[in-house]
PDB file of N, CA and C in Angstrom:
ATOM      1  N   MET A   1      59.623 -25.981  34.628  1.00  0.00           N
ATOM      2  CA  MET A   1      59.076 -26.031  35.962  1.00  0.00           C
ATOM      3  C   MET A   1      58.224 -24.783  36.181  1.00  0.00           C
ATOM      4  N   THR A   2      57.045 -24.979  36.768  1.00  0.00           N
ATOM      5  CA  THR A   2      56.128 -23.872  37.009  1.00  0.00           C
ATOM      6  C   THR A   2      56.021 -23.612  38.502  1.00  0.00           C
ATOM      7  N   SER A   3      56.018 -22.361  38.865  1.00  0.00           N
ATOM      8  CA  SER A   3      55.893 -21.979  40.264  1.00  0.00           C
ATOM      9  C   SER A   3      54.590 -21.199  40.431  1.00  0.00           C
ATOM     10  N   VAL A   4      53.803 -21.562  41.437  1.00  0.00           N
ATOM     11  CA  VAL A   4      52.534 -20.891  41.685  1.00  0.00           C
ATOM     12  C   VAL A   4      52.560 -20.310  43.088  1.00  0.00           C
ATOM     13  N   GLU A   5      52.138 -19.071  43.219  1.00  0.00           N
ATOM     14  CA  GLU A   5      52.080 -18.429  44.522  1.00  0.00           C
ATOM     15  C   GLU A   5      50.639 -17.998  44.774  1.00  0.00           C
ATOM     16  N   ILE A   6      50.115 -18.372  45.911  1.00  0.00           N
ATOM     17  CA  ILE A   6      48.733 -18.049  46.252  1.00  0.00           C
ATOM     18  C   ILE A   6      48.734 -17.071  47.412  1.00  0.00           C
ATOM     19  N   ASP A   7      47.963 -15.993  47.267  1.00  0.00           N
ATOM     20  CA  ASP A   7      47.861 -14.996  48.329  1.00  0.00           C
ATOM     21  C   ASP A   7      46.547 -15.200  49.059  1.00  0.00           C
ATOM     22  N   SER A   8      46.621 -15.552  50.342  1.00  0.00           N
ATOM     23  CA  SER A   8      45.416 -15.788  51.128  1.00  0.00           C
ATOM     24  C   SER A   8      44.824 -14.493  51.658  1.00  0.00           C
ATOM     25  N   GLY A   9      45.544 -13.403  51.527  1.00  0.00           N
ATOM     26  CA  GLY A   9      45.073 -12.144  52.061  1.00  0.00           C
ATOM     27  C   GLY A   9      45.383 -11.981  53.537  1.00  0.00           C
ATOM     28  N   LEU A  10      46.006 -13.005  54.116  1.00  0.00           N
ATOM     29  CA  LEU A  10      46.373 -12.955  55.525  1.00  0.00           C
ATOM     30  C   LEU A  10      47.769 -12.377  55.664  1.00  0.00           C
ATOM     31  N   PRO A  11      48.082 -11.805  56.829  1.00  0.00           N
ATOM     32  CA  PRO A  11      49.447 -11.302  57.040  1.00  0.00           C
ATOM     33  C   PRO A  11      50.457 -12.444  56.906  1.00  0.00           C
ATOM     34  N   SER A  12      51.691 -12.101  56.769  1.00  0.00           N
ATOM     35  CA  SER A  12      52.727 -13.122  56.627  1.00  0.00           C
ATOM     36  C   SER A  12      52.743 -14.038  57.851  1.00  0.00           C
ATOM     37  N   GLU A  13      53.340 -15.217  57.695  1.00  0.00           N
ATOM     38  CA  GLU A  13      53.367 -16.195  58.791  1.00  0.00           C
ATOM     39  C   GLU A  13      54.014 -15.623  60.044  1.00  0.00           C
ATOM     40  N   SER A  14      54.970 -14.728  59.873  1.00  0.00           N
ATOM     41  CA  SER A  14      55.625 -14.151  61.051  1.00  0.00           C
ATOM     42  C   SER A  14      54.664 -13.253  61.826  1.00  0.00           C
ATOM     43  N   GLU A  15      53.587 -12.805  61.195  1.00  0.00           N
ATOM     44  CA  GLU A  15      52.612 -11.955  61.854  1.00  0.00           C
ATOM     45  C   GLU A  15      51.363 -12.729  62.278  1.00  0.00           C
ATOM     46  N   ALA A  16      51.395 -14.049  62.125  1.00  0.00           N
ATOM     47  CA  ALA A  16      50.228 -14.861  62.465  1.00  0.00           C
ATOM     48  C   ALA A  16      49.939 -14.764  63.956  1.00  0.00           C
ATOM     49  N   GLN A  17      48.657 -14.826  64.287  1.00  0.00           N
ATOM     50  CA  GLN A  17      48.250 -14.746  65.679  1.00  0.00           C
ATOM     51  C   GLN A  17      47.536 -16.027  66.061  1.00  0.00           C
ATOM     52  N   GLU A  18      47.689 -16.417  67.286  1.00  0.00           N
ATOM     53  CA  GLU A  18      47.017 -17.609  67.786  1.00  0.00           C
ATOM     54  C   GLU A  18      45.655 -17.197  68.331  1.00  0.00           C
ATOM     55  N   VAL A  19      44.643 -17.953  67.948  1.00  0.00           N
ATOM     56  CA  VAL A  19      43.294 -17.664  68.413  1.00  0.00           C
ATOM     57  C   VAL A  19      42.829 -18.841  69.253  1.00  0.00           C
ATOM     58  N   THR A  20      42.376 -18.553  70.445  1.00  0.00           N
ATOM     59  CA  THR A  20      41.836 -19.605  71.293  1.00  0.00           C
ATOM     60  C   THR A  20      40.393 -19.257  71.608  1.00  0.00           C
ATOM     61  N   GLY A  21      39.604 -20.271  71.837  1.00  0.00           N
ATOM     62  CA  GLY A  21      38.211 -20.037  72.146  1.00  0.00           C
ATOM     63  C   GLY A  21      37.620 -21.255  72.808  1.00  0.00           C
ATOM     64  N   GLU A  22      36.395 -21.109  73.224  1.00  0.00           N
ATOM     65  CA  GLU A  22      35.713 -22.207  73.893  1.00  0.00           C
ATOM     66  C   GLU A  22      34.308 -22.286  73.336  1.00  0.00           C
ATOM     67  N   LEU A  23      33.896 -23.474  72.970  1.00  0.00           N
ATOM     68  CA  LEU A  23      32.557 -23.692  72.450  1.00  0.00           C
ATOM     69  C   LEU A  23      31.760 -24.431  73.507  1.00  0.00           C
ATOM     70  N   VAL A  24      30.655 -23.845  73.920  1.00  0.00           N
ATOM     71  CA  VAL A  24      29.822 -24.452  74.950  1.00  0.00           C
ATOM     72  C   VAL A  24      28.468 -24.764  74.329  1.00  0.00           C
ATOM     73  N   THR A  25      28.035 -26.020  74.458  1.00  0.00           N
ATOM     74  CA  THR A  25      26.730 -26.413  73.949  1.00  0.00           C
ATOM     75  C   THR A  25      25.895 -26.955  75.098  1.00  0.00           C
ATOM     76  N   GLU A  26      24.597 -26.872  74.921  1.00  0.00           N
ATOM     77  CA  GLU A  26      23.697 -27.407  75.929  1.00  0.00           C
ATOM     78  C   GLU A  26      23.752 -28.934  75.880  1.00  0.00           C
ATOM     79  N   PRO A  27      23.674 -29.610  77.025  1.00  0.00           N
ATOM     80  CA  PRO A  27      23.641 -31.075  77.023  1.00  0.00           C
ATOM     81  C   PRO A  27      22.402 -31.573  76.269  1.00  0.00           C
ATOM     82  N   MET A  28      22.566 -32.650  75.515  1.00  0.00           N
ATOM     83  CA  MET A  28      21.446 -33.239  74.793  1.00  0.00           C
ATOM     84  C   MET A  28      21.637 -34.739  74.697  1.00  0.00           C
ATOM     85  N   PRO A  29      20.555 -35.477  74.465  1.00  0.00           N
ATOM     86  CA  PRO A  29      20.676 -36.926  74.328  1.00  0.00           C
ATOM     87  C   PRO A  29      21.600 -37.273  73.151  1.00  0.00           C
ATOM     88  N   PRO A  30      22.388 -38.351  73.282  1.00  0.00           N
ATOM     89  CA  PRO A  30      23.336 -38.715  72.225  1.00  0.00           C
ATOM     90  C   PRO A  30      22.678 -38.924  70.863  1.00  0.00           C
ATOM     91  N   ASN A  31      21.507 -39.558  70.835  1.00  0.00           N
ATOM     92  CA  ASN A  31      20.871 -39.806  69.545  1.00  0.00           C
ATOM     93  C   ASN A  31      20.424 -38.516  68.881  1.00  0.00           C
ATOM     94  N   GLN A  32      20.002 -37.529  69.646  1.00  0.00           N
ATOM     95  CA  GLN A  32      19.609 -36.247  69.067  1.00  0.00           C
ATOM     96  C   GLN A  32      20.826 -35.591  68.415  1.00  0.00           C
ATOM     97  N   LEU A  33      21.964 -35.644  69.079  1.00  0.00           N
ATOM     98  CA  LEU A  33      23.191 -35.093  68.514  1.00  0.00           C
ATOM     99  C   LEU A  33      23.566 -35.838  67.236  1.00  0.00           C
ATOM    100  N   ARG A  34      23.432 -37.165  67.237  1.00  0.00           N
ATOM    101  CA  ARG A  34      23.761 -37.960  66.051  1.00  0.00           C
ATOM    102  C   ARG A  34      22.851 -37.578  64.884  1.00  0.00           C
ATOM    103  N   ILE A  35      21.570 -37.346  65.140  1.00  0.00           N
ATOM    104  CA  ILE A  35      20.635 -36.958  64.082  1.00  0.00           C
ATOM    105  C   ILE A  35      21.023 -35.590  63.521  1.00  0.00           C
ATOM    106  N   GLU A  36      21.335 -34.644  64.402  1.00  0.00           N
ATOM    107  CA  GLU A  36      21.688 -33.294  63.966  1.00  0.00           C
ATOM    108  C   GLU A  36      22.982 -33.256  63.166  1.00  0.00           C
ATOM    109  N   THR A  37      23.874 -34.233  63.388  1.00  0.00           N
ATOM    110  CA  THR A  37      25.147 -34.273  62.659  1.00  0.00           C
ATOM    111  C   THR A  37      25.143 -35.322  61.554  1.00  0.00           C
ATOM    112  N   ASP A  38      23.941 -35.768  61.150  1.00  0.00           N
ATOM    113  CA  ASP A  38      23.765 -36.724  60.040  1.00  0.00           C
ATOM    114  C   ASP A  38      24.531 -38.027  60.233  1.00  0.00           C
ATOM    115  N   GLN A  39      24.515 -38.554  61.460  1.00  0.00           N
ATOM    116  CA  GLN A  39      25.143 -39.832  61.737  1.00  0.00           C
ATOM    117  C   GLN A  39      24.061 -40.890  61.933  1.00  0.00           C
ATOM    118  N   ALA A  40      24.445 -42.140  61.824  1.00  0.00           N
ATOM    119  CA  ALA A  40      23.497 -43.241  62.010  1.00  0.00           C
ATOM    120  C   ALA A  40      23.034 -43.299  63.461  1.00  0.00           C
ATOM    121  N   VAL A  41      21.810 -43.791  63.654  1.00  0.00           N
ATOM    122  CA  VAL A  41      21.203 -43.889  64.981  1.00  0.00           C
ATOM    123  C   VAL A  41      20.680 -45.313  65.146  1.00  0.00           C
ATOM    124  N   PRO A  42      20.839 -45.937  66.338  1.00  0.00           N
ATOM    125  CA  PRO A  42      20.258 -47.258  66.563  1.00  0.00           C
ATOM    126  C   PRO A  42      18.738 -47.207  66.336  1.00  0.00           C
ATOM    127  N   VAL A  43      18.188 -48.270  65.731  1.00  0.00           N
ATOM    128  CA  VAL A  43      16.773 -48.289  65.371  1.00  0.00           C
ATOM    129  C   VAL A  43      16.091 -49.490  66.018  1.00  0.00           C
ATOM    130  N   ALA A  44      14.918 -49.249  66.622  1.00  0.00           N
ATOM    131  CA  ALA A  44      14.123 -50.340  67.192  1.00  0.00           C
ATOM    132  C   ALA A  44      13.246 -50.922  66.080  1.00  0.00           C
ATOM    133  N   THR A  45      13.345 -52.236  65.859  1.00  0.00           N
ATOM    134  CA  THR A  45      12.555 -52.910  64.835  1.00  0.00           C
ATOM    135  C   THR A  45      11.931 -54.166  65.434  1.00  0.00           C
ATOM    136  N   THR A  46      11.064 -54.800  64.658  1.00  0.00           N
ATOM    137  CA  THR A  46      10.454 -56.057  65.089  1.00  0.00           C
ATOM    138  C   THR A  46      10.919 -57.157  64.142  1.00  0.00           C
ATOM    139  N   GLN A  47      11.480 -58.225  64.712  1.00  0.00           N
ATOM    140  CA  GLN A  47      11.962 -59.362  63.939  1.00  0.00           C
ATOM    141  C   GLN A  47      11.368 -60.620  64.535  1.00  0.00           C
ATOM    142  N   ASP A  48      10.647 -61.371  63.728  1.00  0.00           N
ATOM    143  CA  ASP A  48      10.011 -62.611  64.184  1.00  0.00           C
ATOM    144  C   ASP A  48       9.144 -62.377  65.422  1.00  0.00           C
ATOM    145  N   GLY A  49       8.442 -61.235  65.464  1.00  0.00           N
ATOM    146  CA  GLY A  49       7.556 -60.931  66.570  1.00  0.00           C
ATOM    147  C   GLY A  49       8.247 -60.415  67.812  1.00  0.00           C
ATOM    148  N   LYS A  50       9.570 -60.264  67.763  1.00  0.00           N
ATOM    149  CA  LYS A  50      10.318 -59.768  68.921  1.00  0.00           C
ATOM    150  C   LYS A  50      10.843 -58.365  68.606  1.00  0.00           C
ATOM    151  N   LYS A  51      10.827 -57.505  69.622  1.00  0.00           N
ATOM    152  CA  LYS A  51      11.395 -56.175  69.444  1.00  0.00           C
ATOM    153  C   LYS A  51      12.911 -56.276  69.556  1.00  0.00           C
ATOM    154  N   VAL A  52      13.600 -55.751  68.563  1.00  0.00           N
ATOM    155  CA  VAL A  52      15.057 -55.830  68.489  1.00  0.00           C
ATOM    156  C   VAL A  52      15.604 -54.442  68.184  1.00  0.00           C
ATOM    157  N   VAL A  53      16.726 -54.095  68.783  1.00  0.00           N
ATOM    158  CA  VAL A  53      17.393 -52.833  68.483  1.00  0.00           C
ATOM    159  C   VAL A  53      18.534 -53.122  67.521  1.00  0.00           C
ATOM    160  N   LYS A  54      18.476 -52.507  66.352  1.00  0.00           N
ATOM    161  CA  LYS A  54      19.553 -52.647  65.370  1.00  0.00           C
ATOM    162  C   LYS A  54      20.650 -51.666  65.748  1.00  0.00           C
ATOM    163  N   HIS A  55      21.749 -52.193  66.260  1.00  0.00           N
ATOM    164  CA  HIS A  55      22.854 -51.351  66.706  1.00  0.00           C
ATOM    165  C   HIS A  55      23.678 -50.884  65.517  1.00  0.00           C
ATOM    166  N   LEU A  56      24.514 -49.905  65.740  1.00  0.00           N
ATOM    167  CA  LEU A  56      25.371 -49.356  64.703  1.00  0.00           C
ATOM    168  C   LEU A  56      26.532 -50.309  64.440  1.00  0.00           C
ATOM    169  N   LYS A  57      26.941 -50.363  63.196  1.00  0.00           N
ATOM    170  CA  LYS A  57      28.104 -51.173  62.836  1.00  0.00           C
ATOM    171  C   LYS A  57      29.297 -50.244  62.698  1.00  0.00           C
ATOM    172  N   TYR A  58      30.323 -50.533  63.461  1.00  0.00           N
ATOM    173  CA  TYR A  58      31.534 -49.737  63.420  1.00  0.00           C
ATOM    174  C   TYR A  58      32.624 -50.510  62.694  1.00  0.00           C
ATOM    175  N   ALA A  59      33.486 -49.778  62.022  1.00  0.00           N
ATOM    176  CA  ALA A  59      34.622 -50.404  61.364  1.00  0.00           C
ATOM    177  C   ALA A  59      35.584 -50.903  62.435  1.00  0.00           C
ATOM    178  N   PRO A  60      36.237 -52.038  62.200  1.00  0.00           N
ATOM    179  CA  PRO A  60      37.200 -52.526  63.196  1.00  0.00           C
ATOM    180  C   PRO A  60      38.354 -51.531  63.345  1.00  0.00           C
ATOM    181  N   ARG A  61      38.863 -51.467  64.552  1.00  0.00           N
ATOM    182  CA  ARG A  61      39.990 -50.562  64.800  1.00  0.00           C
ATOM    183  C   ARG A  61      41.245 -51.087  64.119  1.00  0.00           C
ATOM    184  N   LYS A  62      41.999 -50.183  63.601  1.00  0.00           N
ATOM    185  CA  LYS A  62      43.256 -50.564  62.949  1.00  0.00           C
ATOM    186  C   LYS A  62      44.327 -50.750  64.012  1.00  0.00           C
ATOM    187  N   ALA A  63      45.165 -51.746  63.809  1.00  0.00           N
ATOM    188  CA  ALA A  63      46.246 -52.021  64.751  1.00  0.00           C
ATOM    189  C   ALA A  63      47.274 -50.886  64.669  1.00  0.00           C
ATOM    190  N   LYS A  64      47.762 -50.488  65.827  1.00  0.00           N
ATOM    191  CA  LYS A  64      48.778 -49.437  65.856  1.00  0.00           C
ATOM    192  C   LYS A  64      50.101 -50.011  65.392  1.00  0.00           C
ATOM    193  N   ALA A  65      50.819 -49.240  64.613  1.00  0.00           N
ATOM    194  CA  ALA A  65      52.131 -49.683  64.144  1.00  0.00           C
ATOM    195  C   ALA A  65      53.120 -49.631  65.300  1.00  0.00           C
ATOM    196  N   SER A  66      53.843 -50.696  65.479  1.00  0.00           N
ATOM    197  CA  SER A  66      54.850 -50.722  66.553  1.00  0.00           C
ATOM    198  C   SER A  66      56.180 -50.277  65.987  1.00  0.00           C
ATOM    199  N   GLY A  67      56.840 -49.450  66.733  1.00  0.00           N
ATOM    200  CA  GLY A  67      58.162 -49.085  66.286  1.00  0.00           C
ATOM    201  C   GLY A  67      58.462 -47.696  66.379  1.00  0.00           C
TER     202      GLY A  67
END
């Protein structure tokens, strides 16, 4: 059996400190935020001569386990 110990350079857990903070960002349009975070964005396209918005496809929600 091999035992490995890793030193993070941080004080021991008994000396750990809690850090709290607040991040404030300027309001921006949702699509701009999605672009900046490399997420998909709805796209306006033309299909059969009609303007259509291709919406995002989301994965179906998983059922919550009861119990």
